[in-house]
Amino acid sequence: MSLDISYQGLPITRQASGRFEDGGLFVASEAPMPVATGLLLALGEQTFSGKVRRVREGSGAGMLIVSADGKKFPRWLMSLHPETAAASSEIFEAEPPPPPPVVEAPPAPASVEPAVDAAPSAHTPDGDGDAAAGGADDEDDAKTASKPSDGKKPGGGKKSGKKPRKR
């Protein structure tokens, strides 16, 4: 993996390699930037703001870059030099906790309500004379049946145009 380093939008080093040491990332460069210079490190689409902590000139020239805001390095920078990253693991952000396991809920049982027969109501005619309702209607029917027939229809023989109401 290679790293691109820029200063105020201007590229300083392209495809640089580095190693982790002394709490930072040492990047070899023939012309290192001065101490406390803010730099932008880019690896692919990911970027990180750093600053120069120490400069080495002459043979093996380069600069030690640390986080600009005092935070730890992002874990994606470990890919630059995995061997030295493992030895300097304390300078990297903590590994995010693994996502909780996905547990599928068991399928809900089909909601089938048992059929319930409604009890006949004393106020709702059921077509059979409310025999199941019992009570006063049964007594009225019994009285009518025991009366001698005078040839008239029950209800006094008056025609009101209305049907007699069942009770």
Protein backbone atom coordinates (compact mmCIF):
# COMPACT_ATOMS: atom_id res chain seq x y z
CA MET A 1 0.00 0.00 0.00
CA SER A 2 1.21 3.48 -0.73
CA LEU A 3 0.42 6.78 0.90
CA ASP A 4 -0.03 10.22 -0.63
CA ILE A 5 0.93 13.20 1.56
CA SER A 6 -0.09 16.76 0.84
CA TYR A 7 0.45 20.17 2.44
CA GLN A 8 -2.35 22.71 2.01
CA GLY A 9 -3.66 20.81 -1.01
CA LEU A 10 -0.23 20.51 -2.70
CA PRO A 11 1.22 17.01 -3.06
CA ILE A 12 4.47 16.56 -1.11
CA THR A 13 5.02 12.83 -1.53
CA ARG A 14 3.16 10.34 -3.68
CA GLN A 15 3.16 6.61 -3.13
CA ALA A 16 5.25 6.89 0.00
CA SER A 17 5.88 3.97 2.29
CA GLY A 18 6.24 4.27 6.00
CA ARG A 19 6.73 2.41 9.22
CA PHE A 20 5.36 2.93 12.69
CA GLU A 21 7.85 3.93 15.39
CA ASP A 22 8.13 6.17 18.45
CA GLY A 23 4.36 6.78 18.62
CA GLY A 24 4.01 7.95 15.02
CA LEU A 25 4.40 7.10 11.35
CA PHE A 26 7.87 7.64 9.91
CA VAL A 27 7.74 8.46 6.20
CA ALA A 28 10.98 8.52 4.21
CA SER A 29 11.34 11.76 2.27
CA GLU A 30 14.34 13.53 0.72
CA ALA A 31 12.80 16.89 1.57
CA PRO A 32 10.92 16.55 4.89
CA MET A 33 8.61 19.34 6.03
CA PRO A 34 9.47 21.42 9.14
CA VAL A 35 8.30 20.33 12.61
CA ALA A 36 4.64 21.21 13.46
CA THR A 37 3.64 21.41 9.77
CA GLY A 38 0.09 20.14 9.20
CA LEU A 39 -0.20 17.43 6.56
CA LEU A 40 -2.97 15.39 5.00
CA LEU A 41 -2.33 11.68 4.56
CA ALA A 42 -4.44 9.84 2.00
CA LEU A 43 -4.73 6.15 1.32
CA GLY A 44 -7.25 5.59 -1.45
CA GLU A 45 -10.44 7.43 -0.47
CA GLN A 46 -9.54 7.65 3.23
CA THR A 47 -7.72 10.66 4.70
CA PHE A 48 -6.10 11.55 8.02
CA SER A 49 -4.82 14.89 9.35
CA GLY A 50 -1.36 14.72 10.85
CA LYS A 51 1.53 16.98 11.77
CA VAL A 52 5.30 16.61 11.72
CA ARG A 53 6.73 15.82 15.15
CA ARG A 54 10.34 15.14 14.24
CA VAL A 55 12.54 15.50 11.15
CA ARG A 56 15.53 13.40 10.16
CA GLU A 57 17.88 14.79 7.50
CA GLY A 58 20.80 13.28 5.61
CA SER A 59 21.01 9.55 5.16
CA GLY A 60 17.58 7.98 5.80
CA ALA A 61 15.87 11.38 5.71
CA GLY A 62 12.20 11.60 6.52
CA MET A 63 9.66 12.88 9.01
CA LEU A 64 7.76 11.39 11.93
CA ILE A 65 4.07 12.20 11.58
CA VAL A 66 1.60 12.08 14.46
CA SER A 67 -2.10 12.88 14.74
CA ALA A 68 -2.85 16.59 14.34
CA ASP A 69 -5.56 16.57 16.99
CA GLY A 70 -3.87 14.29 19.52
CA LYS A 71 -6.10 11.34 18.72
CA LYS A 72 -4.89 7.89 17.77
CA PHE A 73 -4.24 6.76 14.22
CA PRO A 74 -7.16 5.20 12.34
CA ARG A 75 -6.90 1.45 11.91
CA TRP A 76 -6.86 1.65 8.10
CA LEU A 77 -3.32 3.08 8.29
CA MET A 78 -2.10 -0.26 9.68
CA SER A 79 -2.09 -1.58 6.13
CA LEU A 80 0.92 0.63 5.30
CA HIS A 81 3.33 -1.48 7.30
CA PRO A 82 1.59 -4.31 9.18
CA GLU A 83 4.80 -5.59 10.81
CA THR A 84 5.56 -2.34 12.65
CA ALA A 85 1.86 -1.61 13.20
CA ALA A 86 1.50 -4.77 15.27
CA ALA A 87 4.42 -3.70 17.49
CA SER A 88 2.90 -0.20 17.88
CA SER A 89 -0.72 -1.21 18.35
CA GLU A 90 -1.24 1.30 21.21
CA ILE A 91 -1.10 4.24 18.77
CA PHE A 92 -4.17 3.06 16.86
CA GLU A 93 -7.84 3.56 17.60
CA ALA A 94 -9.47 0.71 19.44
CA GLU A 95 -10.92 -1.92 17.21
CA PRO A 96 -14.66 -1.37 16.91
CA PRO A 97 -16.69 -3.99 18.72
CA PRO A 98 -18.11 -6.67 16.48
CA PRO A 99 -21.68 -6.08 15.45
CA PRO A 100 -24.22 -7.96 17.51
CA PRO A 101 -25.21 -11.28 15.98
CA VAL A 102 -28.30 -11.20 13.87
CA VAL A 103 -30.91 -13.46 15.38
CA GLU A 104 -33.94 -14.12 13.29
CA ALA A 105 -37.19 -14.12 15.18
CA PRO A 106 -39.18 -17.32 14.87
CA PRO A 107 -42.10 -16.95 12.49
CA ALA A 108 -45.26 -15.83 14.20
CA PRO A 109 -47.91 -18.53 14.36
CA ALA A 110 -50.88 -18.00 12.10
CA SER A 111 -53.55 -16.18 14.05
CA VAL A 112 -56.61 -18.36 13.73
CA GLU A 113 -59.31 -17.61 16.23
CA PRO A 114 -61.68 -20.49 16.97
CA ALA A 115 -65.20 -20.02 15.67
CA VAL A 116 -67.57 -19.10 18.47
CA ASP A 117 -71.32 -19.53 18.12
CA ALA A 118 -73.12 -16.52 19.42
CA ALA A 119 -75.73 -17.22 22.08
CA PRO A 120 -79.23 -16.22 20.99
CA SER A 121 -80.37 -12.93 22.40
CA ALA A 122 -83.75 -12.32 23.94
CA HIS A 123 -83.95 -9.21 21.74
CA THR A 124 -82.98 -10.84 18.45
CA PRO A 125 -85.53 -13.08 16.74
CA ASP A 126 -84.08 -16.39 15.71
CA GLY A 127 -86.95 -17.65 13.59
CA ASP A 128 -88.15 -20.41 15.94
CA GLY A 129 -90.25 -18.42 18.38
CA ASP A 130 -87.38 -17.79 20.80
CA ALA A 131 -87.77 -21.21 22.29
CA ALA A 132 -84.24 -21.01 23.64
CA ALA A 133 -84.84 -17.69 25.38
CA GLY A 134 -87.51 -19.10 27.71
CA GLY A 135 -89.38 -16.70 29.96
CA ALA A 136 -92.58 -14.75 29.22
CA ASP A 137 -92.87 -15.65 25.54
CA ASP A 138 -93.29 -19.33 26.39
CA GLU A 139 -96.01 -18.53 28.90
CA ASP A 140 -97.91 -16.33 26.39
CA ASP A 141 -97.76 -19.10 23.80
CA ALA A 142 -99.11 -21.60 26.30
CA LYS A 143 -102.09 -19.34 27.22
CA THR A 144 -102.97 -18.77 23.59
CA ALA A 145 -102.88 -22.46 22.84
CA SER A 146 -105.25 -23.34 25.70
CA LYS A 147 -107.92 -20.74 24.82
CA PRO A 148 -110.81 -21.93 22.79
CA SER A 149 -110.73 -20.62 19.29
CA ASP A 150 -113.33 -17.99 18.58
CA GLY A 151 -112.35 -17.81 14.95
CA LYS A 152 -110.42 -14.64 15.41
CA LYS A 153 -106.77 -14.22 14.91
CA PRO A 154 -104.66 -13.51 17.96
CA GLY A 155 -104.28 -9.81 18.70
CA GLY A 156 -107.96 -8.95 18.82
CA GLY A 157 -108.61 -9.14 15.13
CA LYS A 158 -107.69 -5.54 14.55
CA LYS A 159 -105.77 -4.84 11.41
CA SER A 160 -103.38 -2.06 12.09
CA GLY A 161 -101.23 -2.68 9.06
CA LYS A 162 -98.37 -3.59 11.33
CA LYS A 163 -97.09 -7.02 12.03
CA PRO A 164 -97.28 -8.07 15.66
CA ARG A 165 -94.00 -7.59 17.39
CA LYS A 166 -92.26 -10.63 18.80
CA ARG A 167 -90.92 -10.42 22.27
